[in-house]
All heavy atoms as atom14 arrays in JSON, in Angstrom:
{
  "sequence": "DSYKAAVDFLRRGELVGVYPEATISRSFEIKEFKSGAARMAIEA",
  "atom14_mask": [
    [1, 1, 1, 1, 1, 1, 1, 1, 0, 0, 0, 0, 0, 0],
    [1, 1, 1, 1, 1, 1, 0, 0, 0, 0, 0, 0, 0, 0],
    [1, 1, 1, 1, 1, 1, 1, 1, 1, 1, 1, 1, 0, 0],
    [1, 1, 1, 1, 1, 1, 1, 1, 1, 0, 0, 0, 0, 0],
    [1, 1, 1, 1, 1, 0, 0, 0, 0, 0, 0, 0, 0, 0],
    [1, 1, 1, 1, 1, 0, 0, 0, 0, 0, 0, 0, 0, 0],
    [1, 1, 1, 1, 1, 1, 1, 0, 0, 0, 0, 0, 0, 0],
    [1, 1, 1, 1, 1, 1, 1, 1, 0, 0, 0, 0, 0, 0],
    [1, 1, 1, 1, 1, 1, 1, 1, 1, 1, 1, 0, 0, 0],
    [1, 1, 1, 1, 1, 1, 1, 1, 0, 0, 0, 0, 0, 0],
    [1, 1, 1, 1, 1, 1, 1, 1, 1, 1, 1, 0, 0, 0],
    [1, 1, 1, 1, 1, 1, 1, 1, 1, 1, 1, 0, 0, 0],
    [1, 1, 1, 1, 0, 0, 0, 0, 0, 0, 0, 0, 0, 0],
    [1, 1, 1, 1, 1, 1, 1, 1, 1, 0, 0, 0, 0, 0],
    [1, 1, 1, 1, 1, 1, 1, 1, 0, 0, 0, 0, 0, 0],
    [1, 1, 1, 1, 1, 1, 1, 0, 0, 0, 0, 0, 0, 0],
    [1, 1, 1, 1, 0, 0, 0, 0, 0, 0, 0, 0, 0, 0],
    [1, 1, 1, 1, 1, 1, 1, 0, 0, 0, 0, 0, 0, 0],
    [1, 1, 1, 1, 1, 1, 1, 1, 1, 1, 1, 1, 0, 0],
    [1, 1, 1, 1, 1, 1, 1, 0, 0, 0, 0, 0, 0, 0],
    [1, 1, 1, 1, 1, 1, 1, 1, 1, 0, 0, 0, 0, 0],
    [1, 1, 1, 1, 1, 0, 0, 0, 0, 0, 0, 0, 0, 0],
    [1, 1, 1, 1, 1, 1, 1, 0, 0, 0, 0, 0, 0, 0],
    [1, 1, 1, 1, 1, 1, 1, 1, 0, 0, 0, 0, 0, 0],
    [1, 1, 1, 1, 1, 1, 0, 0, 0, 0, 0, 0, 0, 0],
    [1, 1, 1, 1, 1, 1, 1, 1, 1, 1, 1, 0, 0, 0],
    [1, 1, 1, 1, 1, 1, 0, 0, 0, 0, 0, 0, 0, 0],
    [1, 1, 1, 1, 1, 1, 1, 1, 1, 1, 1, 0, 0, 0],
    [1, 1, 1, 1, 1, 1, 1, 1, 1, 0, 0, 0, 0, 0],
    [1, 1, 1, 1, 1, 1, 1, 1, 0, 0, 0, 0, 0, 0],
    [1, 1, 1, 1, 1, 1, 1, 1, 1, 0, 0, 0, 0, 0],
    [1, 1, 1, 1, 1, 1, 1, 1, 1, 0, 0, 0, 0, 0],
    [1, 1, 1, 1, 1, 1, 1, 1, 1, 1, 1, 0, 0, 0],
    [1, 1, 1, 1, 1, 1, 1, 1, 1, 0, 0, 0, 0, 0],
    [1, 1, 1, 1, 1, 1, 0, 0, 0, 0, 0, 0, 0, 0],
    [1, 1, 1, 1, 0, 0, 0, 0, 0, 0, 0, 0, 0, 0],
    [1, 1, 1, 1, 1, 0, 0, 0, 0, 0, 0, 0, 0, 0],
    [1, 1, 1, 1, 1, 0, 0, 0, 0, 0, 0, 0, 0, 0],
    [1, 1, 1, 1, 1, 1, 1, 1, 1, 1, 1, 0, 0, 0],
    [1, 1, 1, 1, 1, 1, 1, 1, 0, 0, 0, 0, 0, 0],
    [1, 1, 1, 1, 1, 0, 0, 0, 0, 0, 0, 0, 0, 0],
    [1, 1, 1, 1, 1, 1, 1, 1, 0, 0, 0, 0, 0, 0],
    [1, 1, 1, 1, 1, 1, 1, 1, 1, 0, 0, 0, 0, 0],
    [1, 1, 1, 1, 1, 0, 0, 0, 0, 0, 0, 0, 0, 0]
  ],
  "atom14_positions": [
    [[-82.15, 54.01, 23.11], [-81.45, 53.97, 24.4], [-80.7, 52.66, 24.59], [-79.55, 52.66, 25.04], [-82.44, 54.17, 25.55], [-83.0, 55.58, 25.61], [-82.38, 56.48, 25.0], [-84.04, 55.78, 26.25], [0.0, 0.0, 0.0], [0.0, 0.0, 0.0], [0.0, 0.0, 0.0], [0.0, 0.0, 0.0], [0.0, 0.0, 0.0], [0.0, 0.0, 0.0]],
    [[-81.33, 51.54, 24.26], [-80.67, 50.25, 24.43], [-79.52, 50.1, 23.43], [-78.47, 49.53, 23.75], [-81.67, 49.1, 24.27], [-82.33, 49.16, 23.02], [0.0, 0.0, 0.0], [0.0, 0.0, 0.0], [0.0, 0.0, 0.0], [0.0, 0.0, 0.0], [0.0, 0.0, 0.0], [0.0, 0.0, 0.0], [0.0, 0.0, 0.0], [0.0, 0.0, 0.0]],
    [[-79.71, 50.63, 22.23], [-78.64, 50.59, 21.22], [-77.42, 51.37, 21.72], [-76.28, 50.9, 21.65], [-79.15, 51.17, 19.9], [-78.1, 51.28, 18.83], [-77.82, 50.22, 17.99], [-77.37, 52.47, 18.67], [-76.84, 50.32, 17.0], [-76.41, 52.57, 17.69], [-76.14, 51.5, 16.86], [-75.18, 51.6, 15.9], [0.0, 0.0, 0.0], [0.0, 0.0, 0.0]],
    [[-77.65, 52.57, 22.24], [-76.56, 53.4, 22.75], [-75.84, 52.7, 23.91], [-74.6, 52.72, 23.98], [-77.09, 54.75, 23.2], [-76.02, 55.7, 23.73], [-76.62, 57.03, 24.14], [-75.51, 57.99, 24.61], [-74.75, 57.47, 25.74], [0.0, 0.0, 0.0], [0.0, 0.0, 0.0], [0.0, 0.0, 0.0], [0.0, 0.0, 0.0], [0.0, 0.0, 0.0]],
    [[-76.62, 52.07, 24.8], [-76.01, 51.37, 25.93], [-75.13, 50.23, 25.45], [-74.03, 50.01, 25.97], [-77.11, 50.83, 26.86], [0.0, 0.0, 0.0], [0.0, 0.0, 0.0], [0.0, 0.0, 0.0], [0.0, 0.0, 0.0], [0.0, 0.0, 0.0], [0.0, 0.0, 0.0], [0.0, 0.0, 0.0], [0.0, 0.0, 0.0], [0.0, 0.0, 0.0]],
    [[-75.59, 49.51, 24.43], [-74.81, 48.39, 23.89], [-73.51, 48.89, 23.27], [-72.44, 48.3, 23.48], [-75.63, 47.63, 22.85], [0.0, 0.0, 0.0], [0.0, 0.0, 0.0], [0.0, 0.0, 0.0], [0.0, 0.0, 0.0], [0.0, 0.0, 0.0], [0.0, 0.0, 0.0], [0.0, 0.0, 0.0], [0.0, 0.0, 0.0], [0.0, 0.0, 0.0]],
    [[-73.57, 49.98, 22.51], [-72.36, 50.53, 21.9], [-71.38, 51.0, 22.98], [-70.17, 50.78, 22.88], [-72.72, 51.69, 20.94], [-71.45, 52.41, 20.48], [-73.49, 51.17, 19.74], [0.0, 0.0, 0.0], [0.0, 0.0, 0.0], [0.0, 0.0, 0.0], [0.0, 0.0, 0.0], [0.0, 0.0, 0.0], [0.0, 0.0, 0.0], [0.0, 0.0, 0.0]],
    [[-71.9, 51.61, 24.04], [-71.04, 52.04, 25.15], [-70.34, 50.85, 25.79], [-69.14, 50.91, 26.09], [-71.85, 52.79, 26.2], [-72.29, 54.18, 25.74], [-71.72, 54.67, 24.73], [-73.2, 54.76, 26.36], [0.0, 0.0, 0.0], [0.0, 0.0, 0.0], [0.0, 0.0, 0.0], [0.0, 0.0, 0.0], [0.0, 0.0, 0.0], [0.0, 0.0, 0.0]],
    [[-71.08, 49.76, 25.99], [-70.49, 48.53, 26.56], [-69.38, 48.02, 25.66], [-68.31, 47.63, 26.13], [-71.58, 47.46, 26.73], [-72.26, 47.48, 28.07], [-72.82, 48.64, 28.57], [-72.37, 46.33, 28.82], [-73.46, 48.65, 29.8], [-72.99, 46.33, 30.05], [-73.55, 47.5, 30.54], [0.0, 0.0, 0.0], [0.0, 0.0, 0.0], [0.0, 0.0, 0.0]],
    [[-69.65, 47.99, 24.36], [-68.65, 47.48, 23.41], [-67.38, 48.32, 23.43], [-66.27, 47.79, 23.41], [-69.25, 47.46, 22.0], [-70.36, 46.44, 21.75], [-71.08, 46.73, 20.44], [-69.81, 45.02, 21.75], [0.0, 0.0, 0.0], [0.0, 0.0, 0.0], [0.0, 0.0, 0.0], [0.0, 0.0, 0.0], [0.0, 0.0, 0.0], [0.0, 0.0, 0.0]],
    [[-67.56, 49.63, 23.49], [-66.4, 50.52, 23.53], [-65.59, 50.36, 24.81], [-64.39, 50.64, 24.83], [-66.86, 51.97, 23.36], [-67.28, 52.29, 21.93], [-67.86, 53.68, 21.83], [-68.06, 54.07, 20.42], [-68.84, 55.06, 20.03], [-69.51, 55.78, 20.92], [-68.95, 55.36, 18.75], [0.0, 0.0, 0.0], [0.0, 0.0, 0.0], [0.0, 0.0, 0.0]],
    [[-66.25, 49.9, 25.86], [-65.54, 49.67, 27.13], [-64.91, 48.27, 27.17], [-64.37, 47.88, 28.19], [-66.5, 49.83, 28.31], [-67.04, 51.24, 28.48], [-67.5, 51.52, 29.9], [-68.54, 50.6, 30.35], [-69.85, 50.85, 30.25], [-70.27, 51.97, 29.69], [-70.72, 49.99, 30.71], [0.0, 0.0, 0.0], [0.0, 0.0, 0.0], [0.0, 0.0, 0.0]],
    [[-65.02, 47.53, 26.06], [-64.36, 46.24, 25.99], [-65.2, 45.05, 26.4], [-64.67, 43.98, 26.68], [0.0, 0.0, 0.0], [0.0, 0.0, 0.0], [0.0, 0.0, 0.0], [0.0, 0.0, 0.0], [0.0, 0.0, 0.0], [0.0, 0.0, 0.0], [0.0, 0.0, 0.0], [0.0, 0.0, 0.0], [0.0, 0.0, 0.0], [0.0, 0.0, 0.0]],
    [[-66.52, 45.22, 26.44], [-67.41, 44.14, 26.86], [-67.83, 43.28, 25.66], [-67.79, 43.72, 24.5], [-68.67, 44.71, 27.51], [-68.43, 45.49, 28.79], [-68.34, 44.6, 30.01], [-68.29, 43.36, 29.86], [-68.31, 45.14, 31.13], [0.0, 0.0, 0.0], [0.0, 0.0, 0.0], [0.0, 0.0, 0.0], [0.0, 0.0, 0.0], [0.0, 0.0, 0.0]],
    [[-68.26, 42.05, 25.96], [-68.91, 41.18, 24.98], [-70.41, 41.4, 25.1], [-70.97, 41.25, 26.19], [-68.58, 39.71, 25.24], [-67.1, 39.33, 25.25], [-66.95, 37.85, 25.62], [-66.46, 39.6, 23.89], [0.0, 0.0, 0.0], [0.0, 0.0, 0.0], [0.0, 0.0, 0.0], [0.0, 0.0, 0.0], [0.0, 0.0, 0.0], [0.0, 0.0, 0.0]],
    [[-71.07, 41.75, 24.01], [-72.51, 42.02, 24.03], [-73.23, 40.98, 23.18], [-72.96, 40.84, 21.99], [-72.82, 43.44, 23.52], [-74.33, 43.65, 23.42], [-72.21, 44.49, 24.45], [0.0, 0.0, 0.0], [0.0, 0.0, 0.0], [0.0, 0.0, 0.0], [0.0, 0.0, 0.0], [0.0, 0.0, 0.0], [0.0, 0.0, 0.0], [0.0, 0.0, 0.0]],
    [[-74.15, 40.24, 23.81], [-74.9, 39.2, 23.13], [-76.15, 39.76, 22.46], [-76.95, 40.44, 23.1], [0.0, 0.0, 0.0], [0.0, 0.0, 0.0], [0.0, 0.0, 0.0], [0.0, 0.0, 0.0], [0.0, 0.0, 0.0], [0.0, 0.0, 0.0], [0.0, 0.0, 0.0], [0.0, 0.0, 0.0], [0.0, 0.0, 0.0], [0.0, 0.0, 0.0]],
    [[-76.31, 39.47, 21.17], [-77.41, 40.0, 20.38], [-78.07, 38.87, 19.59], [-77.38, 37.97, 19.09], [-76.9, 41.07, 19.39], [-78.03, 41.61, 18.53], [-76.21, 42.2, 20.13], [0.0, 0.0, 0.0], [0.0, 0.0, 0.0], [0.0, 0.0, 0.0], [0.0, 0.0, 0.0], [0.0, 0.0, 0.0], [0.0, 0.0, 0.0], [0.0, 0.0, 0.0]],
    [[-79.4, 38.94, 19.47], [-80.14, 38.01, 18.61], [-80.57, 38.78, 17.36], [-81.57, 39.5, 17.39], [-81.37, 37.46, 19.33], [-81.05, 36.52, 20.44], [-81.11, 36.93, 21.77], [-80.66, 35.21, 20.18], [-80.8, 36.06, 22.8], [-80.35, 34.33, 21.21], [-80.43, 34.76, 22.51], [-80.11, 33.91, 23.53], [0.0, 0.0, 0.0], [0.0, 0.0, 0.0]],
    [[-79.84, 38.65, 16.25], [-80.19, 39.41, 15.04], [-81.58, 39.1, 14.5], [-82.16, 39.92, 13.79], [-79.11, 38.99, 14.04], [-77.97, 38.5, 14.87], [-78.61, 37.86, 16.06], [0.0, 0.0, 0.0], [0.0, 0.0, 0.0], [0.0, 0.0, 0.0], [0.0, 0.0, 0.0], [0.0, 0.0, 0.0], [0.0, 0.0, 0.0], [0.0, 0.0, 0.0]],
    [[-82.12, 37.91, 14.83], [-83.46, 37.57, 14.36], [-84.55, 38.29, 15.14], [-85.71, 38.32, 14.71], [-83.68, 36.06, 14.46], [-82.75, 35.24, 13.59], [-82.72, 33.77, 13.99], [-82.13, 33.45, 15.05], [-83.28, 32.95, 13.24], [0.0, 0.0, 0.0], [0.0, 0.0, 0.0], [0.0, 0.0, 0.0], [0.0, 0.0, 0.0], [0.0, 0.0, 0.0]],
    [[-84.19, 38.78, 16.34], [-85.09, 39.54, 17.22], [-86.12, 38.66, 17.95], [-86.47, 38.93, 19.09], [-85.8, 40.67, 16.48], [0.0, 0.0, 0.0], [0.0, 0.0, 0.0], [0.0, 0.0, 0.0], [0.0, 0.0, 0.0], [0.0, 0.0, 0.0], [0.0, 0.0, 0.0], [0.0, 0.0, 0.0], [0.0, 0.0, 0.0], [0.0, 0.0, 0.0]],
    [[-86.61, 37.63, 17.3], [-87.59, 36.73, 17.93], [-87.19, 35.27, 17.67], [-86.37, 34.99, 16.79], [-89.0, 36.95, 17.37], [-89.0, 36.69, 15.96], [-89.48, 38.37, 17.61], [0.0, 0.0, 0.0], [0.0, 0.0, 0.0], [0.0, 0.0, 0.0], [0.0, 0.0, 0.0], [0.0, 0.0, 0.0], [0.0, 0.0, 0.0], [0.0, 0.0, 0.0]],
    [[-87.8, 34.38, 18.44], [-87.54, 32.95, 18.27], [-88.0, 32.51, 16.88], [-89.08, 32.87, 16.42], [-88.27, 32.14, 19.36], [-87.58, 32.35, 20.71], [-88.32, 30.65, 19.02], [-88.31, 31.69, 21.87], [0.0, 0.0, 0.0], [0.0, 0.0, 0.0], [0.0, 0.0, 0.0], [0.0, 0.0, 0.0], [0.0, 0.0, 0.0], [0.0, 0.0, 0.0]],
    [[-87.18, 31.71, 16.24], [-87.52, 31.17, 14.93], [-88.35, 29.9, 15.11], [-87.85, 28.88, 15.58], [-86.26, 30.84, 14.13], [-86.58, 30.15, 12.94], [0.0, 0.0, 0.0], [0.0, 0.0, 0.0], [0.0, 0.0, 0.0], [0.0, 0.0, 0.0], [0.0, 0.0, 0.0], [0.0, 0.0, 0.0], [0.0, 0.0, 0.0], [0.0, 0.0, 0.0]],
    [[-89.62, 29.95, 14.75], [-90.5, 28.78, 14.9], [-90.14, 27.68, 13.92], [-90.47, 26.51, 14.14], [-91.96, 29.18, 14.67], [-92.5, 30.2, 15.64], [-93.99, 30.34, 15.37], [-94.49, 31.64, 15.72], [-95.6, 31.84, 16.44], [-96.28, 30.81, 16.89], [-96.02, 33.05, 16.69], [0.0, 0.0, 0.0], [0.0, 0.0, 0.0], [0.0, 0.0, 0.0]],
    [[-89.48, 28.04, 12.84], [-89.08, 27.04, 11.85], [-87.75, 26.4, 12.24], [-87.36, 25.37, 11.68], [-88.94, 27.67, 10.46], [-87.83, 28.56, 10.43], [0.0, 0.0, 0.0], [0.0, 0.0, 0.0], [0.0, 0.0, 0.0], [0.0, 0.0, 0.0], [0.0, 0.0, 0.0], [0.0, 0.0, 0.0], [0.0, 0.0, 0.0], [0.0, 0.0, 0.0]],
    [[-87.04, 27.05, 13.18], [-85.7, 26.65, 13.63], [-84.66, 26.84, 12.54], [-83.52, 26.41, 12.69], [-85.7, 25.22, 14.18], [-86.8, 24.99, 15.18], [-87.75, 23.99, 14.98], [-86.91, 25.78, 16.3], [-88.79, 23.8, 15.88], [-87.95, 25.6, 17.21], [-88.89, 24.61, 17.01], [0.0, 0.0, 0.0], [0.0, 0.0, 0.0], [0.0, 0.0, 0.0]],
    [[-85.07, 27.51, 11.45], [-84.13, 27.96, 10.43], [-83.7, 29.38, 10.81], [-84.31, 30.02, 11.68], [-84.79, 27.97, 9.05], [-85.42, 26.66, 8.63], [-84.4, 25.63, 8.13], [-83.18, 25.85, 8.32], [-84.83, 24.61, 7.56], [0.0, 0.0, 0.0], [0.0, 0.0, 0.0], [0.0, 0.0, 0.0], [0.0, 0.0, 0.0], [0.0, 0.0, 0.0]],
    [[-82.68, 29.91, 10.14], [-82.24, 31.27, 10.4], [-83.21, 32.25, 9.73], [-83.38, 32.24, 8.51], [-80.82, 31.52, 9.87], [-79.81, 30.53, 10.49], [-80.39, 32.96, 10.13], [-79.48, 30.76, 11.93], [0.0, 0.0, 0.0], [0.0, 0.0, 0.0], [0.0, 0.0, 0.0], [0.0, 0.0, 0.0], [0.0, 0.0, 0.0], [0.0, 0.0, 0.0]],
    [[-83.86, 33.08, 10.55], [-84.78, 34.08, 10.03], [-84.02, 35.26, 9.42], [-82.79, 35.35, 9.52], [-85.67, 34.62, 11.17], [-86.69, 33.66, 11.7], [-87.31, 34.14, 13.0], [-87.94, 35.5, 12.91], [-89.2, 35.5, 12.12], [0.0, 0.0, 0.0], [0.0, 0.0, 0.0], [0.0, 0.0, 0.0], [0.0, 0.0, 0.0], [0.0, 0.0, 0.0]],
    [[-84.78, 36.17, 8.82], [-84.19, 37.42, 8.34], [-83.61, 38.19, 9.53], [-84.16, 38.17, 10.63], [-85.27, 38.26, 7.64], [-84.76, 39.56, 7.05], [-85.85, 40.35, 6.36], [-86.97, 39.82, 6.2], [-85.58, 41.5, 5.98], [0.0, 0.0, 0.0], [0.0, 0.0, 0.0], [0.0, 0.0, 0.0], [0.0, 0.0, 0.0], [0.0, 0.0, 0.0]],
    [[-82.47, 38.86, 9.3], [-81.79, 39.58, 10.38], [-82.17, 41.06, 10.4], [-82.34, 41.69, 9.35], [-80.27, 39.49, 10.21], [-79.66, 38.19, 10.67], [-80.45, 37.17, 11.18], [-78.29, 38.0, 10.59], [-79.88, 35.98, 11.6], [-77.71, 36.82, 11.01], [-78.51, 35.8, 11.52], [0.0, 0.0, 0.0], [0.0, 0.0, 0.0], [0.0, 0.0, 0.0]],
    [[-82.23, 41.62, 11.61], [-82.24, 43.06, 11.78], [-80.79, 43.54, 11.64], [-79.84, 42.77, 11.78], [-82.79, 43.43, 13.16], [-84.16, 42.86, 13.48], [-85.24, 43.46, 12.6], [-86.61, 42.97, 13.03], [-87.69, 43.49, 12.16], [0.0, 0.0, 0.0], [0.0, 0.0, 0.0], [0.0, 0.0, 0.0], [0.0, 0.0, 0.0], [0.0, 0.0, 0.0]],
    [[-80.6, 44.82, 11.42], [-79.26, 45.35, 11.16], [-78.54, 45.83, 12.41], [-77.39, 46.29, 12.32], [-79.35, 46.5, 10.15], [-80.08, 47.6, 10.7], [0.0, 0.0, 0.0], [0.0, 0.0, 0.0], [0.0, 0.0, 0.0], [0.0, 0.0, 0.0], [0.0, 0.0, 0.0], [0.0, 0.0, 0.0], [0.0, 0.0, 0.0], [0.0, 0.0, 0.0]],
    [[-79.19, 45.73, 13.57], [-78.61, 46.29, 14.79], [-77.23, 45.76, 15.13], [-76.34, 46.54, 15.51], [0.0, 0.0, 0.0], [0.0, 0.0, 0.0], [0.0, 0.0, 0.0], [0.0, 0.0, 0.0], [0.0, 0.0, 0.0], [0.0, 0.0, 0.0], [0.0, 0.0, 0.0], [0.0, 0.0, 0.0], [0.0, 0.0, 0.0], [0.0, 0.0, 0.0]],
    [[-77.02, 44.45, 15.01], [-75.72, 43.86, 15.36], [-74.62, 44.46, 14.49], [-73.53, 44.81, 14.98], [-75.77, 42.35, 15.19], [0.0, 0.0, 0.0], [0.0, 0.0, 0.0], [0.0, 0.0, 0.0], [0.0, 0.0, 0.0], [0.0, 0.0, 0.0], [0.0, 0.0, 0.0], [0.0, 0.0, 0.0], [0.0, 0.0, 0.0], [0.0, 0.0, 0.0]],
    [[-74.89, 44.59, 13.2], [-73.9, 45.15, 12.28], [-73.64, 46.62, 12.59], [-72.48, 47.07, 12.61], [-74.37, 44.98, 10.83], [0.0, 0.0, 0.0], [0.0, 0.0, 0.0], [0.0, 0.0, 0.0], [0.0, 0.0, 0.0], [0.0, 0.0, 0.0], [0.0, 0.0, 0.0], [0.0, 0.0, 0.0], [0.0, 0.0, 0.0], [0.0, 0.0, 0.0]],
    [[-74.7, 47.38, 12.82], [-74.53, 48.81, 13.09], [-73.74, 49.05, 14.37], [-72.89, 49.95, 14.44], [-75.89, 49.49, 13.15], [-76.57, 49.58, 11.79], [-77.86, 50.38, 11.81], [-78.93, 49.72, 12.54], [-79.41, 50.11, 13.71], [-78.9, 51.19, 14.31], [-80.39, 49.46, 14.3], [0.0, 0.0, 0.0], [0.0, 0.0, 0.0], [0.0, 0.0, 0.0]],
    [[-73.99, 48.22, 15.41], [-73.22, 48.34, 16.66], [-71.74, 48.08, 16.42], [-70.87, 48.8, 16.92], [-73.7, 47.29, 17.66], [-74.98, 47.55, 18.33], [-75.39, 46.12, 19.34], [-77.14, 46.37, 19.39], [0.0, 0.0, 0.0], [0.0, 0.0, 0.0], [0.0, 0.0, 0.0], [0.0, 0.0, 0.0], [0.0, 0.0, 0.0], [0.0, 0.0, 0.0]],
    [[-71.46, 47.0, 15.69], [-70.07, 46.63, 15.43], [-69.34, 47.73, 14.68], [-68.19, 48.07, 14.99], [-70.01, 45.32, 14.65], [0.0, 0.0, 0.0], [0.0, 0.0, 0.0], [0.0, 0.0, 0.0], [0.0, 0.0, 0.0], [0.0, 0.0, 0.0], [0.0, 0.0, 0.0], [0.0, 0.0, 0.0], [0.0, 0.0, 0.0], [0.0, 0.0, 0.0]],
    [[-70.02, 48.32, 13.69], [-69.41, 49.39, 12.9], [-69.16, 50.62, 13.78], [-68.07, 51.2, 13.77], [-70.31, 49.75, 11.7], [-70.35, 48.6, 10.7], [-69.83, 51.04, 11.04], [-71.43, 48.73, 9.64], [0.0, 0.0, 0.0], [0.0, 0.0, 0.0], [0.0, 0.0, 0.0], [0.0, 0.0, 0.0], [0.0, 0.0, 0.0], [0.0, 0.0, 0.0]],
    [[-70.16, 51.01, 14.56], [-70.03, 52.22, 15.38], [-68.98, 52.06, 16.47], [-68.23, 53.01, 16.76], [-71.38, 52.59, 15.99], [-71.37, 53.93, 16.69], [-72.76, 54.44, 17.03], [-73.74, 53.97, 16.41], [-72.85, 55.32, 17.91], [0.0, 0.0, 0.0], [0.0, 0.0, 0.0], [0.0, 0.0, 0.0], [0.0, 0.0, 0.0], [0.0, 0.0, 0.0]],
    [[-68.91, 50.89, 17.08], [-67.94, 50.66, 18.16], [-66.59, 50.17, 17.63], [-65.63, 50.05, 18.39], [-68.5, 49.65, 19.16], [0.0, 0.0, 0.0], [0.0, 0.0, 0.0], [0.0, 0.0, 0.0], [0.0, 0.0, 0.0], [0.0, 0.0, 0.0], [0.0, 0.0, 0.0], [0.0, 0.0, 0.0], [0.0, 0.0, 0.0], [0.0, 0.0, 0.0]]
  ]
}
């Protein structure tokens, strides 16, 4: 549901802020990314 809402926002011309790491990085290095940001960009 949240993914669909984000794609709808993007298609309407909005800027959607996403954290690809999903959680705070305790090491303060870049953690492994989830694919949601990429999939949204492709779909929209």
